[in-house]
């Protein structure tokens, strides 16, 4: 059974969701609930910090893309802090590295 831990940090209008473990169809509901709470606060910038994520599947990609679409519509933005090579590879192979704002380090935000 996969597991996902999520830590949410809010500072200066930026909400960061630090993800640890595996983001997949089994754990996506947990992220959806955390993201819903963050979005309800009308945060201008949402950061998905994937530096400690071991695995992401298409359901994980879908929720990040949906959050990005919604943030753009509301005049905000989503930033993804790239993680381990296996996770970065998924973004490259799906060409989402061209659509999303990806950074190597949270200090780049």
Protein backbone atom coordinates (compact mmCIF):
# COMPACT_ATOMS: atom_id res chain seq x y z
CA UNK A 1 0.00 0.00 0.00
CA UNK A 2 1.39 3.38 -1.00
CA UNK A 3 1.59 6.27 1.41
CA UNK A 4 1.72 10.03 1.09
CA UNK A 5 2.55 12.62 3.70
CA UNK A 6 1.73 16.27 3.06
CA UNK A 7 3.05 19.25 4.98
CA UNK A 8 1.50 22.63 4.18
CA UNK A 9 3.38 25.83 4.83
CA UNK A 10 1.93 29.28 4.23
CA UNK A 11 4.07 32.38 4.05
CA UNK A 12 3.57 35.77 2.38
CA UNK A 13 0.73 34.65 0.10
CA UNK A 14 2.54 31.48 -0.95
CA UNK A 15 1.21 28.07 0.04
CA UNK A 16 3.69 25.24 -0.24
CA UNK A 17 2.61 21.61 -0.24
CA UNK A 18 5.61 19.42 0.57
CA UNK A 19 4.88 15.89 -0.64
CA UNK A 20 6.65 12.80 0.70
CA UNK A 21 6.11 9.24 -0.48
CA UNK A 22 3.98 8.22 -3.44
CA UNK A 23 1.38 10.30 -5.26
CA UNK A 24 -0.88 7.89 -7.09
CA UNK A 25 -4.49 6.86 -7.50
CA UNK A 26 -4.55 5.48 -3.95
CA UNK A 27 -3.24 8.68 -2.30
CA UNK A 28 -4.67 11.36 -4.61
CA UNK A 29 -7.68 12.00 -2.35
CA UNK A 30 -5.38 13.13 0.44
CA UNK A 31 -3.75 15.70 -1.84
CA UNK A 32 -7.13 16.79 -3.21
CA UNK A 33 -8.32 17.59 0.33
CA UNK A 34 -5.15 19.53 1.19
CA UNK A 35 -5.27 21.42 -2.09
CA UNK A 36 -8.92 22.30 -1.59
CA UNK A 37 -8.08 23.84 1.79
CA UNK A 38 -5.22 25.85 0.26
CA UNK A 39 -7.38 27.05 -2.66
CA UNK A 40 -10.16 28.13 -0.30
CA UNK A 41 -7.75 30.65 1.21
CA UNK A 42 -7.35 32.35 -2.18
CA UNK A 43 -3.60 31.87 -2.18
CA UNK A 44 -1.93 33.63 -5.13
CA UNK A 45 0.90 31.11 -5.50
CA UNK A 46 0.70 27.38 -4.85
CA UNK A 47 3.96 25.46 -4.72
CA UNK A 48 4.12 21.69 -5.09
CA UNK A 49 7.45 20.71 -3.55
CA UNK A 50 8.27 17.28 -4.93
CA UNK A 51 11.83 17.04 -3.61
CA UNK A 52 10.84 14.20 -1.28
CA UNK A 53 8.37 12.46 -3.59
CA UNK A 54 9.35 8.92 -4.64
CA UNK A 55 6.69 8.28 -7.28
CA UNK A 56 3.99 10.08 -9.25
CA UNK A 57 1.45 8.61 -11.65
CA UNK A 58 -0.99 10.18 -14.10
CA UNK A 59 -3.53 10.99 -11.38
CA UNK A 60 -0.86 13.04 -9.61
CA UNK A 61 -0.01 14.86 -12.81
CA UNK A 62 -3.69 15.50 -13.45
CA UNK A 63 -4.26 17.20 -10.10
CA UNK A 64 -1.20 19.43 -10.53
CA UNK A 65 -2.28 20.45 -14.04
CA UNK A 66 -5.83 21.12 -12.82
CA UNK A 67 -4.48 23.27 -9.98
CA UNK A 68 -2.34 25.19 -12.48
CA UNK A 69 -5.32 25.77 -14.78
CA UNK A 70 -7.46 27.01 -11.90
CA UNK A 71 -4.71 29.24 -10.51
CA UNK A 72 -4.16 30.87 -13.92
CA UNK A 73 -7.88 31.44 -14.28
CA UNK A 74 -7.90 33.19 -10.88
CA UNK A 75 -4.82 35.28 -11.66
CA UNK A 76 -2.45 33.15 -9.59
CA UNK A 77 0.21 30.61 -10.39
CA UNK A 78 1.45 27.13 -9.60
CA UNK A 79 5.14 26.33 -9.26
CA UNK A 80 6.54 22.80 -9.08
CA UNK A 81 9.82 22.20 -7.27
CA UNK A 82 11.38 19.31 -9.13
CA UNK A 83 12.18 16.19 -7.24
CA UNK A 84 14.15 13.04 -7.80
CA UNK A 85 15.13 11.97 -11.31
CA UNK A 86 12.31 9.41 -11.55
CA UNK A 87 9.75 12.15 -10.84
CA UNK A 88 11.42 14.72 -13.14
CA UNK A 89 11.44 12.15 -15.93
CA UNK A 90 7.63 11.85 -15.79
CA UNK A 91 7.26 15.60 -16.34
CA UNK A 92 9.72 15.51 -19.26
CA UNK A 93 8.15 12.47 -20.96
CA UNK A 94 4.67 13.96 -20.75
CA UNK A 95 5.99 17.37 -21.92
CA UNK A 96 4.53 18.98 -18.81
CA UNK A 97 7.93 20.53 -18.21
CA UNK A 98 6.95 22.82 -21.13
CA UNK A 99 3.52 23.72 -19.71
CA UNK A 100 4.19 24.06 -15.99
CA UNK A 101 6.57 26.33 -14.12
CA UNK A 102 9.27 23.97 -12.83
CA UNK A 103 12.17 25.03 -10.62
CA UNK A 104 15.03 23.05 -9.13
CA UNK A 105 14.96 24.73 -5.74
CA UNK A 106 12.27 26.43 -3.65
CA UNK A 107 14.56 29.45 -3.31
CA UNK A 108 13.95 30.17 -7.00
CA UNK A 109 10.30 31.09 -6.37
